[in-house]
């Protein structure tokens, strides 16, 4: 995974699956709420803010923006989210 290669510590939250179907567990519900409705796995959060999926990480790395986002030098795209 890209985060391993960058030396970034992270926490995995398990999502139970059966025959390729995500089971409706508390972890899945929480993940879907935190991401604004996205149920794609994996989901990447930086400082508690939803960044996107592993595809998002790869895209940001190719653009040369990922290191700055992970270090806090650049904002997470789309943040702050509007509450209106």
Protein backbone atom coordinates (compact mmCIF):
# COMPACT_ATOMS: atom_id res chain seq x y z
CA UNK A 1 0.00 0.00 0.00
CA UNK A 2 1.15 3.52 -0.76
CA UNK A 3 0.95 4.62 2.88
CA UNK A 4 3.42 1.89 3.87
CA UNK A 5 5.91 3.09 1.27
CA UNK A 6 5.58 6.67 2.61
CA UNK A 7 6.22 5.51 6.18
CA UNK A 8 2.82 6.74 7.32
CA UNK A 9 1.28 5.11 10.38
CA UNK A 10 -2.37 4.23 9.98
CA UNK A 11 -5.16 2.25 11.59
CA UNK A 12 -7.24 -0.32 9.75
CA UNK A 13 -10.88 -0.66 10.72
CA UNK A 14 -12.22 -4.08 9.72
CA UNK A 15 -15.25 -4.37 7.48
CA UNK A 16 -16.81 -7.83 7.46
CA UNK A 17 -17.61 -9.34 4.10
CA UNK A 18 -19.30 -12.53 2.99
CA UNK A 19 -19.02 -13.72 -0.61
CA UNK A 20 -17.85 -10.25 -1.65
CA UNK A 21 -20.77 -8.45 0.00
CA UNK A 22 -20.16 -5.93 2.78
CA UNK A 23 -22.10 -7.00 5.86
CA UNK A 24 -24.15 -4.24 7.57
CA UNK A 25 -22.03 -3.95 10.71
CA UNK A 26 -21.53 -0.97 13.01
CA UNK A 27 -18.12 -0.36 11.42
CA UNK A 28 -19.65 -0.17 7.93
CA UNK A 29 -22.39 2.20 9.09
CA UNK A 30 -19.88 4.45 10.86
CA UNK A 31 -17.54 4.47 7.87
CA UNK A 32 -20.37 5.34 5.48
CA UNK A 33 -21.54 8.20 7.72
CA UNK A 34 -18.03 9.63 8.22
CA UNK A 35 -17.37 9.66 4.49
CA UNK A 36 -20.62 11.37 3.57
CA UNK A 37 -22.25 8.25 2.15
CA UNK A 38 -19.34 6.59 0.35
CA UNK A 39 -19.20 2.83 1.03
CA UNK A 40 -16.09 2.20 -1.09
CA UNK A 41 -13.32 0.24 0.63
CA UNK A 42 -10.71 1.27 1.61
CA UNK A 43 -11.47 4.77 2.79
CA UNK A 44 -8.65 7.10 3.75
CA UNK A 45 -9.02 9.72 6.49
CA UNK A 46 -6.35 12.26 7.41
CA UNK A 47 -6.71 13.86 10.82
CA UNK A 48 -10.29 12.60 10.95
CA UNK A 49 -11.20 14.11 7.58
CA UNK A 50 -12.22 11.99 4.62
CA UNK A 51 -9.61 12.17 1.86
CA UNK A 52 -10.95 9.51 -0.48
CA UNK A 53 -10.06 6.00 -1.58
CA UNK A 54 -6.79 4.36 -2.49
CA UNK A 55 -7.31 5.71 -6.04
CA UNK A 56 -7.38 9.22 -4.56
CA UNK A 57 -4.05 8.56 -2.82
CA UNK A 58 -2.44 7.40 -6.04
CA UNK A 59 -3.78 10.40 -7.97
CA UNK A 60 -2.55 12.87 -5.33
CA UNK A 61 0.85 11.17 -5.22
CA UNK A 62 1.19 11.37 -9.02
CA UNK A 63 0.33 15.08 -8.82
CA UNK A 64 3.01 15.57 -6.15
CA UNK A 65 0.44 16.75 -3.59
CA UNK A 66 0.15 13.74 -1.26
CA UNK A 67 3.25 14.36 0.88
CA UNK A 68 2.16 17.93 1.67
CA UNK A 69 -1.36 16.79 2.58
CA UNK A 70 -0.08 14.02 4.84
CA UNK A 71 2.36 16.36 6.57
CA UNK A 72 -0.31 19.04 7.10
CA UNK A 73 1.40 21.55 4.79
CA UNK A 74 -1.51 21.48 2.33
CA UNK A 75 -5.24 21.23 2.99
CA UNK A 76 -7.23 18.12 2.24
CA UNK A 77 -9.06 18.69 -1.06
CA UNK A 78 -12.67 19.69 -0.40
CA UNK A 79 -12.07 20.80 3.21
CA UNK A 80 -13.44 22.55 5.06
CA UNK A 81 -16.79 21.08 4.17
CA UNK A 82 -19.69 23.48 4.07
CA UNK A 83 -22.36 22.89 6.71
CA UNK A 84 -25.04 24.79 4.80
